[in-house]
Amino acid sequence: MRRFLILLAAGLLHAASVEAQMWMPLTGTGGEFDGAVVCEDHPWGESSCILFGCRAGQPIDLYVVSRTLTRSGLTDAMLTVDGRVISFAAFQRQEGHDDLFFAGETRQGIEAIAEPLRRGSRFALEFEGGAAGLTLQGSLRGSSRAIDHALSVCPMPLPAPVADPAGAALAQVQRDCADIGGTVTLEPPMARPVDIDGVAPMDLAVDFGAVRCSSASSMYCGSGGCSQQIYLGVAGGGYRPIYGDTMYGFEVPSPGVLRVDVHGSACGRVGASGACSLTFRVDPDGVTLLFKE
């Protein structure tokens, strides 16, 4: 099969040998991207490439490299797989690179498109604007292996900030309790300020174990503790979720270190053989599990 050499966006992906119409894993060797890539030859003699991957130090995203797209001025696109609509995106031009565009996908967006791209047969990225239009389409042959590679080497986007997690949690428990004919009391309050990272603004912990529903003795607690959610305060406003699960409790041994006590099964223990402690590093780039014991 004919092979060709593509240089994405003026040499961003140097010497990336990609087989036409087949998704290939792409490593950062010699370039600045990792991920999964496929390229398409157009009848008018140009090529476009679709990249599901990441630039060095950046979260995974959906990229398009296309001189045709640059000339068209189009930005709004619909992604379909085997004729089914998967997502919508407003592409932006990458600063400093005329023919490189990125979608700015959220974590939810990445999760929504990854599996269809892995399992489908054909994709289409349809750009529209007024009477004009441009469709980049092709095969998903080889996409499963290539996208698995992308997901293994690229960090996920950080969750979007939540404006009022305490209010959202209270609304949820009121609905849950009302569904079984009860009313809610809170003893003590569900939400309390905490300092997880040692950086202003203050962070937040939401403890569902504080909920008392008149129709249920324990809605959110069990043998593994109670459901809790932990959020980092965001400088621009709101809170970013960093951990949420059933737990016995948590502590902050030092700024930026979070230790969560959970059921022993998380450490492979059975029965009443003791809790498992999960220790995470918390920083602006996300949460990383350091060890469990």
Protein backbone atom coordinates (compact mmCIF):
# COMPACT_ATOMS: atom_id res chain seq x y z
CA MET A 1 0.00 0.00 0.00
CA ARG A 2 1.23 3.46 -0.86
CA ARG A 3 2.86 5.24 2.06
CA PHE A 4 3.56 8.91 2.34
CA LEU A 5 5.38 11.30 4.60
CA ILE A 6 3.31 13.98 6.30
CA LEU A 7 4.60 17.04 8.05
CA LEU A 8 1.77 18.30 10.22
CA ALA A 9 1.51 22.06 10.64
CA ALA A 10 4.90 23.13 9.32
CA GLY A 11 6.89 20.35 10.91
CA LEU A 12 5.07 19.85 14.21
CA LEU A 13 5.09 16.11 13.61
CA HIS A 14 8.44 15.50 12.00
CA ALA A 15 8.98 12.42 9.88
CA ALA A 16 5.67 10.78 10.81
CA SER A 17 5.19 8.00 8.29
CA VAL A 18 1.45 7.34 8.10
CA GLU A 19 -0.39 4.83 5.97
CA ALA A 20 -3.16 6.47 3.95
CA GLN A 21 -6.66 5.92 5.32
CA MET A 22 -5.42 3.86 8.28
CA TRP A 23 -5.19 5.15 11.83
CA MET A 24 -1.70 4.84 13.24
CA PRO A 25 -0.20 5.35 16.72
CA LEU A 26 1.97 8.43 16.77
CA THR A 27 4.79 8.98 19.24
CA GLY A 28 6.42 12.27 20.11
CA THR A 29 9.79 11.13 18.79
CA GLY A 30 11.02 13.87 16.49
CA GLY A 31 7.89 15.98 16.98
CA GLU A 32 5.68 17.46 19.65
CA PHE A 33 2.59 15.24 19.45
CA ASP A 34 1.54 11.83 20.74
CA GLY A 35 -1.68 10.07 19.87
CA ALA A 36 -3.56 8.55 16.95
CA VAL A 37 -3.49 10.01 13.43
CA VAL A 38 -5.09 9.38 10.04
CA CYS A 39 -4.62 11.31 6.80
CA GLU A 40 -6.79 11.66 3.72
CA ASP A 41 -5.88 12.60 0.16
CA HIS A 42 -8.38 14.99 -1.44
CA PRO A 43 -9.31 14.81 -5.14
CA TRP A 44 -7.95 18.35 -5.60
CA GLY A 45 -4.45 17.21 -4.61
CA GLU A 46 -4.18 18.25 -0.96
CA SER A 47 -4.17 16.18 2.21
CA SER A 48 -5.82 16.66 5.59
CA CYS A 49 -5.00 14.86 8.83
CA ILE A 50 -7.09 14.13 11.92
CA LEU A 51 -5.20 13.74 15.18
CA PHE A 52 -6.69 12.40 18.42
CA GLY A 53 -3.86 13.09 20.79
CA CYS A 54 -1.88 15.64 22.76
CA ARG A 55 0.88 18.16 22.48
CA ALA A 56 3.70 17.81 24.99
CA GLY A 57 2.43 18.72 28.45
CA GLN A 58 -1.17 19.25 27.27
CA PRO A 59 -4.34 17.15 27.69
CA ILE A 60 -5.73 15.02 24.90
CA ASP A 61 -7.80 16.79 22.25
CA LEU A 62 -9.08 16.45 18.69
CA TYR A 63 -6.93 18.23 16.08
CA VAL A 64 -7.28 18.88 12.36
CA VAL A 65 -4.39 19.74 10.04
CA SER A 66 -5.81 21.08 6.79
CA ARG A 67 -4.85 23.89 4.42
CA THR A 68 -8.29 23.52 2.86
CA LEU A 69 -9.91 24.23 6.23
CA THR A 70 -7.70 27.28 6.66
CA ARG A 71 -8.87 28.73 3.33
CA SER A 72 -12.52 27.97 4.05
CA GLY A 73 -12.63 29.91 7.31
CA LEU A 74 -15.02 27.31 8.75
CA THR A 75 -14.84 26.40 12.45
CA ASP A 76 -18.10 24.69 13.51
CA ALA A 77 -18.11 20.94 12.94
CA MET A 78 -20.19 17.85 13.58
CA LEU A 79 -18.47 14.50 14.14
CA THR A 80 -20.33 11.40 13.00
CA VAL A 81 -19.36 7.74 13.15
CA ASP A 82 -21.16 5.37 10.79
CA GLY A 83 -23.78 8.06 10.22
CA ARG A 84 -24.51 8.61 13.92
CA VAL A 85 -23.88 12.05 15.41
CA ILE A 86 -21.23 11.80 18.15
CA SER A 87 -20.38 15.40 19.04
CA PHE A 88 -20.25 19.02 17.95
CA ALA A 89 -17.14 21.20 18.20
CA ALA A 90 -16.04 24.75 17.47
CA PHE A 91 -12.45 24.40 16.24
CA GLN A 92 -9.89 27.10 16.94
CA ARG A 93 -6.68 27.79 15.07
CA GLN A 94 -3.55 26.89 17.03
CA GLU A 95 -1.54 30.02 17.71
CA GLY A 96 1.55 30.17 15.52
CA HIS A 97 0.36 27.44 13.12
CA ASP A 98 -1.80 28.46 10.17
CA ASP A 99 -3.11 25.01 9.26
CA LEU A 100 -3.49 23.41 12.72
CA PHE A 101 -6.85 23.52 14.53
CA PHE A 102 -7.97 22.13 17.89
CA ALA A 103 -11.44 21.40 19.31
CA GLY A 104 -10.83 22.28 22.97
CA GLU A 105 -12.68 19.14 24.11
CA THR A 106 -13.74 18.68 27.72
CA ARG A 107 -13.18 15.47 29.65
CA GLN A 108 -16.81 14.53 28.93
CA GLY A 109 -16.28 15.26 25.24
CA ILE A 110 -13.20 13.05 25.01
CA GLU A 111 -15.00 10.21 26.77
CA ALA A 112 -17.96 10.61 24.40
CA ILE A 113 -15.94 10.37 21.18
CA ALA A 114 -13.20 7.88 22.07
CA GLU A 115 -15.27 4.69 22.13
CA PRO A 116 -17.21 5.32 18.88
CA LEU A 117 -13.95 6.15 17.11
CA ARG A 118 -12.41 2.93 18.45
CA ARG A 119 -15.27 0.68 17.37
CA GLY A 120 -16.71 2.31 14.26
CA SER A 121 -16.05 1.72 10.56
CA ARG A 122 -16.08 5.23 9.09
CA PHE A 123 -16.02 8.78 10.42
CA ALA A 124 -16.95 12.17 9.02
CA LEU A 125 -16.09 15.61 10.35
CA GLU A 126 -18.55 17.98 8.69
CA PHE A 127 -17.74 21.70 8.80
CA GLU A 128 -20.60 24.07 8.02
CA GLY A 129 -21.04 27.82 7.76
CA GLY A 130 -23.73 29.53 5.74
CA ALA A 131 -23.92 28.06 2.25
CA ALA A 132 -20.37 26.70 2.44
CA GLY A 133 -19.33 23.34 3.74
CA LEU A 134 -16.39 20.97 4.00
CA THR A 135 -16.38 17.31 4.96
CA LEU A 136 -13.27 15.44 6.10
CA GLN A 137 -14.04 11.75 6.18
CA GLY A 138 -12.37 8.41 6.11
CA SER A 139 -11.93 4.92 7.44
CA LEU A 140 -11.56 3.95 11.09
CA ARG A 141 -9.36 1.00 10.15
CA GLY A 142 -6.67 0.63 12.81
CA SER A 143 -8.35 3.15 15.11
CA SER A 144 -8.80 0.81 18.09
CA ARG A 145 -5.07 0.22 18.59
CA ALA A 146 -4.14 3.81 17.74
CA ILE A 147 -6.70 5.41 20.07
CA ASP A 148 -5.80 3.00 22.88
CA HIS A 149 -2.25 4.30 22.49
CA ALA A 150 -3.45 7.91 22.60
CA LEU A 151 -5.47 7.32 25.77
CA SER A 152 -2.51 5.60 27.42
CA VAL A 153 0.00 8.40 26.80
CA CYS A 154 -2.12 11.57 26.92
CA PRO A 155 -3.61 13.07 30.09
CA MET A 156 -7.35 13.70 30.15
CA PRO A 157 -8.63 17.29 30.28
CA LEU A 158 -9.33 18.57 33.76
CA PRO A 159 -12.99 18.51 34.82
CA ALA A 160 -14.82 21.78 34.29
CA PRO A 161 -15.32 23.88 37.44
CA VAL A 162 -18.61 23.45 39.30
CA ALA A 163 -20.20 26.73 40.40
CA ASP A 164 -22.00 25.46 43.52
CA PRO A 165 -21.24 21.83 44.41
CA ALA A 166 -22.87 22.17 47.84
CA GLY A 167 -26.12 23.40 46.32
CA ALA A 168 -26.06 20.69 43.64
CA ALA A 169 -25.46 18.00 46.28
CA LEU A 170 -28.31 19.26 48.46
CA ALA A 171 -30.68 19.29 45.49
CA GLN A 172 -29.66 15.71 44.67
CA VAL A 173 -30.30 14.37 48.18
CA GLN A 174 -33.63 16.17 48.38
CA ARG A 175 -34.70 14.48 45.14
CA ASP A 176 -33.43 11.07 46.28
CA CYS A 177 -35.21 11.34 49.62
CA ALA A 178 -38.44 12.65 48.07
CA ASP A 179 -38.44 9.68 45.67
CA ILE A 180 -38.94 7.37 48.67
CA GLY A 181 -41.45 9.66 50.37
CA GLY A 182 -39.16 11.32 52.89
CA THR A 183 -37.84 14.71 53.91
CA VAL A 184 -34.23 15.75 54.50
CA THR A 185 -32.45 17.10 57.56
CA LEU A 186 -28.72 17.82 57.67
CA GLU A 187 -26.74 17.14 60.85
CA PRO A 188 -24.10 18.61 60.57
CA PRO A 189 -24.07 20.62 57.28
CA MET A 190 -23.07 18.62 54.20
CA ALA A 191 -20.35 21.01 53.00
CA ARG A 192 -17.33 22.34 54.84
CA PRO A 193 -14.30 24.36 53.71
CA VAL A 194 -10.97 22.50 53.69
CA ASP A 195 -7.47 23.32 52.48
CA ILE A 196 -6.16 20.58 50.19
CA ASP A 197 -3.43 22.28 48.17
CA GLY A 198 -2.32 25.13 50.43
CA VAL A 199 -3.33 27.67 47.78
CA ALA A 200 -6.19 30.17 47.89
CA PRO A 201 -9.12 30.01 47.44
CA MET A 202 -10.30 27.47 49.99
CA ASP A 203 -11.33 24.02 48.85
CA LEU A 204 -14.52 22.13 49.70
CA ALA A 205 -15.61 18.73 51.03
CA VAL A 206 -19.20 17.51 50.64
CA ASP A 207 -20.20 14.68 53.01
CA PHE A 208 -23.36 12.83 52.02
CA GLY A 209 -23.15 11.01 55.34
CA ALA A 210 -24.53 14.16 56.97
CA VAL A 211 -27.88 13.56 55.27
CA ARG A 212 -30.81 12.26 57.30
CA CYS A 213 -33.82 11.12 55.28
CA SER A 214 -36.98 10.45 57.26
CA SER A 215 -37.75 7.39 55.12
CA ALA A 216 -34.30 5.73 55.19
CA SER A 217 -31.86 5.08 58.00
CA SER A 218 -28.81 5.49 55.77
CA MET A 219 -29.01 6.58 52.15
CA TYR A 220 -25.34 7.17 51.38
CA CYS A 221 -23.39 5.07 53.89
CA GLY A 222 -22.44 1.42 54.07
CA SER A 223 -19.66 -0.94 55.09
CA GLY A 224 -17.15 1.15 53.14
CA GLY A 225 -18.06 4.42 54.84
CA CYS A 226 -20.08 7.30 53.41
CA SER A 227 -20.12 8.97 50.03
CA GLN A 228 -18.01 12.14 49.95
CA GLN A 229 -16.87 14.54 47.26
CA ILE A 230 -13.71 16.69 47.42
CA TYR A 231 -13.24 19.84 45.34
CA LEU A 232 -10.39 22.27 44.72
CA GLY A 233 -11.28 25.96 44.73
CA VAL A 234 -10.56 27.59 41.36
CA ALA A 235 -9.06 31.08 41.25
CA GLY A 236 -11.52 32.23 38.59
CA GLY A 237 -14.51 30.98 40.57
CA GLY A 238 -16.16 27.64 41.24
CA TYR A 239 -14.68 24.29 42.27
CA ARG A 240 -12.98 21.48 40.38
CA PRO A 241 -13.85 17.92 41.47
CA ILE A 242 -10.75 15.88 42.34
CA TYR A 243 -12.12 12.85 44.21
CA GLY A 244 -15.53 11.37 44.91
CA ASP A 245 -16.32 7.95 46.34
CA THR A 246 -17.41 6.04 49.42
CA MET A 247 -14.84 6.52 52.17
CA TYR A 248 -14.29 6.40 55.91
CA GLY A 249 -12.63 9.81 55.83
CA PHE A 250 -9.65 11.75 54.53
CA GLU A 251 -6.77 13.89 55.75
CA VAL A 252 -4.18 16.26 54.31
CA PRO A 253 -0.74 15.29 55.70
CA SER A 254 0.85 18.24 53.88
CA PRO A 255 -0.31 20.78 51.28
CA GLY A 256 -0.93 19.03 47.98
CA VAL A 257 -1.10 15.54 49.50
CA LEU A 258 -4.49 13.88 50.06
CA ARG A 259 -4.89 10.62 51.98
CA VAL A 260 -8.25 8.85 51.69
CA ASP A 261 -9.29 5.87 53.84
CA VAL A 262 -11.51 3.45 51.93
CA HIS A 263 -12.70 -0.16 52.17
CA GLY A 264 -9.91 -2.73 52.37
CA SER A 265 -11.00 -4.30 49.08
CA ALA A 266 -9.25 -1.41 47.29
CA CYS A 267 -5.98 -2.93 48.55
CA GLY A 268 -7.05 -6.51 47.90
CA ARG A 269 -8.12 -7.19 51.48
CA VAL A 270 -11.23 -9.14 52.39
CA GLY A 271 -13.68 -9.06 55.26
CA ALA A 272 -12.79 -6.97 58.28
CA SER A 273 -9.04 -7.06 57.65
CA GLY A 274 -8.68 -3.28 57.77
CA ALA A 275 -9.11 -0.16 55.70
CA CYS A 276 -7.02 0.81 52.69
CA SER A 277 -5.33 4.22 52.54
CA LEU A 278 -4.98 5.87 49.12
CA THR A 279 -2.44 8.71 48.92
CA PHE A 280 -2.68 11.21 46.06
CA ARG A 281 -0.61 14.14 44.87
CA VAL A 282 -2.84 17.11 44.08
CA ASP A 283 -1.59 19.88 41.79
CA PRO A 284 -2.97 22.17 39.06
CA ASP A 285 -2.47 19.42 36.47
CA GLY A 286 -4.75 16.97 38.28
CA VAL A 287 -4.62 14.19 40.84
CA THR A 288 -2.07 11.37 40.78
CA LEU A 289 -2.22 8.22 42.91
CA LEU A 290 1.14 7.89 44.68
CA PHE A 291 0.56 4.67 46.59
CA LYS A 292 -1.97 2.63 48.53
CA GLU A 293 -1.42 0.74 51.75
